Amino acid sequence: HGRGAYVVPLMRTGGASEGKFDFPQEALRKPAFSSDEQWALLSDTDAPLDESAAAAVAIVAAWIGVSISEDVSLQAPRAD
């Protein structure tokens, strides 16, 4: 972050990601390429984990300019 990199803090995990341990407060601010809903899912401990993970993926995809499907599955493939 100090070198101009974007950070996607998974604030729901606690610790530095939620601003403790001198984590830079600037890194906790929602970037313009993230929706309010996506950003809120990063800190919502009551939200399903797959929704928070999908929000993180969507934020990174928006940052790098990649279009992803709305129904991206984050589940591991089943072993047959």
Protein backbone atom coordinates (compact mmCIF):
# COMPACT_ATOMS: atom_id res chain seq x y z
CA HIS A 1 0.00 0.00 0.00
CA GLY A 2 2.81 2.40 0.82
CA ARG A 3 4.09 2.01 -2.74
CA GLY A 4 0.75 2.80 -4.36
CA ALA A 5 -0.57 -0.76 -4.52
CA TYR A 6 -4.22 -1.48 -3.85
CA VAL A 7 -5.07 -3.70 -0.91
CA VAL A 8 -8.25 -5.76 -0.59
CA PRO A 9 -8.52 -6.15 3.18
CA LEU A 10 -10.62 -9.10 4.27
CA MET A 11 -11.82 -7.17 7.29
CA ARG A 12 -14.12 -9.95 8.47
CA THR A 13 -11.01 -11.96 9.46
CA GLY A 14 -10.01 -9.42 12.12
CA GLY A 15 -6.50 -8.40 13.12
CA ALA A 16 -4.53 -6.20 10.77
CA SER A 17 -7.15 -6.57 8.04
CA GLU A 18 -9.64 -4.65 10.16
CA GLY A 19 -7.17 -1.90 11.06
CA LYS A 20 -5.30 -3.26 14.08
CA PHE A 21 -1.51 -3.43 14.48
CA ASP A 22 -0.90 -0.09 12.73
CA PHE A 23 -2.47 -1.30 9.48
CA PRO A 24 -2.78 1.81 7.27
CA GLN A 25 -6.28 3.26 7.57
CA GLU A 26 -6.08 4.43 3.96
CA ALA A 27 -6.10 0.77 2.89
CA LEU A 28 -9.50 0.32 4.55
CA ARG A 29 -11.15 2.94 2.33
CA LYS A 30 -13.36 1.67 -0.47
CA PRO A 31 -11.79 2.25 -3.88
CA ALA A 32 -13.90 3.72 -6.69
CA PHE A 33 -13.93 0.42 -8.60
CA SER A 34 -15.69 -1.40 -5.74
CA SER A 35 -19.40 -1.21 -5.09
CA ASP A 36 -20.67 -0.39 -1.61
CA GLU A 37 -22.20 -3.87 -1.40
CA GLN A 38 -18.94 -5.60 -2.35
CA TRP A 39 -16.94 -3.58 0.15
CA ALA A 40 -19.46 -4.25 2.93
CA LEU A 41 -19.20 -8.01 2.31
CA LEU A 42 -15.48 -7.88 3.11
CA SER A 43 -16.28 -6.98 6.72
CA ASP A 44 -19.63 -8.68 7.29
CA THR A 45 -18.97 -11.65 9.60
CA ASP A 46 -22.61 -12.73 9.23
CA ALA A 47 -22.45 -12.94 5.43
CA PRO A 48 -21.86 -16.35 3.89
CA LEU A 49 -18.15 -16.88 3.31
CA ASP A 50 -18.64 -17.60 -0.39
CA GLU A 51 -20.34 -14.21 -0.84
CA SER A 52 -17.45 -12.39 0.85
CA ALA A 53 -14.96 -14.33 -1.27
CA ALA A 54 -16.91 -13.57 -4.45
CA ALA A 55 -16.91 -9.88 -3.52
CA ALA A 56 -13.12 -9.94 -3.09
CA VAL A 57 -12.73 -11.64 -6.49
CA ALA A 58 -15.05 -9.10 -8.12
CA ILE A 59 -13.11 -6.18 -6.60
CA VAL A 60 -9.78 -7.53 -7.85
CA ALA A 61 -11.29 -8.28 -11.27
CA ALA A 62 -12.65 -4.72 -11.51
CA TRP A 63 -9.25 -3.34 -10.54
CA ILE A 64 -7.40 -5.26 -13.23
CA GLY A 65 -10.17 -4.75 -15.77
CA VAL A 66 -11.32 -8.33 -16.14
CA SER A 67 -14.98 -9.12 -16.66
CA ILE A 68 -16.26 -12.09 -14.68
CA SER A 69 -19.56 -13.90 -14.70
CA GLU A 70 -22.04 -13.08 -11.95
CA ASP A 71 -22.40 -16.78 -11.17
CA VAL A 72 -18.75 -17.59 -10.58
CA SER A 73 -18.59 -20.69 -8.42
CA LEU A 74 -16.03 -20.62 -5.64
CA GLN A 75 -16.71 -24.19 -4.63
CA ALA A 76 -14.00 -26.77 -5.10
CA PRO A 77 -14.68 -29.23 -7.90
CA ARG A 78 -16.12 -32.52 -6.75
CA ALA A 79 -13.82 -35.50 -6.92
CA ASP A 80 -15.55 -38.39 -8.65
